Amino acid sequence: MSHINTHKILQNICYTELVYERINKKLNTKLSKKQIEKLIFEVIKKTKASSFEKIGKNYYVSNIEYNIRITINANTYRVITVDRIGNKLSVLNIFIKIC
């Protein structure tokens, strides 16, 4: 398995207008663009390197603590989507409340 440069991901991460809506829909939230960007940045920063996976043209960042998986295009570093990876109450809910 090749090394994934998390610093480069954090440095180059970007968003489309539609992805903000998609993230709010998938997470059942009404976060602002800034809140979403802060959430994504913090989750990526706090995720262990072993929880980063590159499959095809995408990176998958799975964070069990936040019960969230972020899909990022490996070429453009554009966030594609965010999914919950569990239904239990998580730190994600707390983070969303304080954003």
Protein backbone atom coordinates (compact mmCIF):
# COMPACT_ATOMS: atom_id res chain seq x y z
CA MET A 1 0.00 0.00 0.00
CA SER A 2 1.40 3.40 -0.96
CA HIS A 3 1.81 6.27 1.47
CA ILE A 4 -0.98 8.87 1.43
CA ASN A 5 0.22 12.41 2.07
CA THR A 6 -2.41 13.78 4.46
CA HIS A 7 -0.65 17.15 4.63
CA LYS A 8 -0.99 17.53 0.86
CA ILE A 9 -4.68 16.63 1.07
CA LEU A 10 -5.27 19.26 3.76
CA GLN A 11 -3.29 21.84 1.82
CA ASN A 12 -5.15 21.29 -1.46
CA ILE A 13 -8.66 20.26 -0.45
CA CYS A 14 -11.40 22.06 -2.38
CA TYR A 15 -15.17 22.01 -2.81
CA THR A 16 -17.82 22.58 -5.46
CA GLU A 17 -20.99 24.49 -4.74
CA LEU A 18 -23.06 21.33 -5.06
CA VAL A 19 -21.00 19.33 -2.56
CA TYR A 20 -22.04 21.61 0.32
CA GLU A 21 -25.68 20.74 -0.35
CA ARG A 22 -24.82 17.06 -0.73
CA ILE A 23 -22.95 17.00 2.60
CA ASN A 24 -25.81 18.68 4.44
CA LYS A 25 -28.27 16.23 2.90
CA LYS A 26 -26.17 13.15 3.71
CA LEU A 27 -25.46 14.29 7.29
CA ASN A 28 -28.99 15.67 7.77
CA THR A 29 -27.61 19.07 8.82
CA LYS A 30 -27.82 22.71 7.84
CA LEU A 31 -24.17 23.69 8.17
CA SER A 32 -22.72 26.76 6.45
CA LYS A 33 -19.90 26.43 3.92
CA LYS A 34 -17.37 27.53 6.54
CA GLN A 35 -18.70 25.00 9.06
CA ILE A 36 -18.50 22.19 6.50
CA GLU A 37 -14.95 23.16 5.58
CA LYS A 38 -13.97 23.26 9.25
CA LEU A 39 -15.61 19.89 9.89
CA ILE A 40 -13.88 18.22 6.93
CA PHE A 41 -10.50 19.75 7.80
CA GLU A 42 -10.70 18.70 11.46
CA VAL A 43 -11.87 15.17 10.67
CA ILE A 44 -9.05 14.67 8.15
CA LYS A 45 -6.50 16.16 10.55
CA LYS A 46 -7.62 13.90 13.42
CA THR A 47 -7.89 10.71 11.38
CA LYS A 48 -5.11 8.11 11.76
CA ALA A 49 -3.03 7.44 8.65
CA SER A 50 -4.16 3.80 8.74
CA SER A 51 -7.74 5.00 8.11
CA PHE A 52 -6.85 6.60 4.76
CA GLU A 53 -7.35 4.41 1.73
CA LYS A 54 -6.86 5.03 -1.98
CA ILE A 55 -9.13 3.02 -4.24
CA GLY A 56 -9.04 3.91 -7.91
CA LYS A 57 -9.19 7.66 -8.33
CA ASN A 58 -10.45 8.43 -4.81
CA TYR A 59 -9.20 8.71 -1.28
CA TYR A 60 -11.50 7.41 1.44
CA VAL A 61 -10.98 8.88 4.90
CA SER A 62 -12.83 6.85 7.53
CA ASN A 63 -13.03 8.19 11.05
CA ILE A 64 -14.72 5.84 13.52
CA GLU A 65 -14.71 8.43 16.31
CA TYR A 66 -16.80 10.83 14.21
CA ASN A 67 -18.68 8.02 12.40
CA ILE A 68 -17.90 9.66 9.08
CA ARG A 69 -16.26 8.72 5.77
CA ILE A 70 -15.06 11.44 3.41
CA THR A 71 -14.53 10.71 -0.28
CA ILE A 72 -11.94 12.92 -2.01
CA ASN A 73 -10.81 12.87 -5.63
CA ALA A 74 -7.12 11.86 -5.55
CA ASN A 75 -6.16 14.03 -8.55
CA THR A 76 -7.99 17.28 -7.78
CA TYR A 77 -8.37 16.93 -3.98
CA ARG A 78 -12.02 17.89 -4.44
CA VAL A 79 -14.41 16.59 -1.81
CA ILE A 80 -16.95 14.35 -3.53
CA THR A 81 -19.18 13.33 -0.64
CA VAL A 82 -19.40 12.55 3.05
CA ASP A 83 -21.20 9.56 4.52
CA ARG A 84 -22.09 8.48 8.03
CA ILE A 85 -20.59 5.10 8.86
CA GLY A 86 -22.85 4.31 11.77
CA ASN A 87 -26.10 5.39 13.33
CA LYS A 88 -25.02 5.82 16.92
CA LEU A 89 -24.56 9.22 18.56
CA SER A 90 -21.03 10.36 17.81
CA VAL A 91 -18.57 13.15 18.30
CA LEU A 92 -19.79 14.36 14.88
CA ASN A 93 -23.09 15.38 16.47
CA ILE A 94 -21.27 17.32 19.18
CA PHE A 95 -18.99 18.96 16.62
CA ILE A 96 -21.95 20.02 14.50
CA LYS A 97 -23.61 21.63 17.52
CA ILE A 98 -20.56 23.72 18.39
CA CYS A 99 -19.82 24.85 14.81
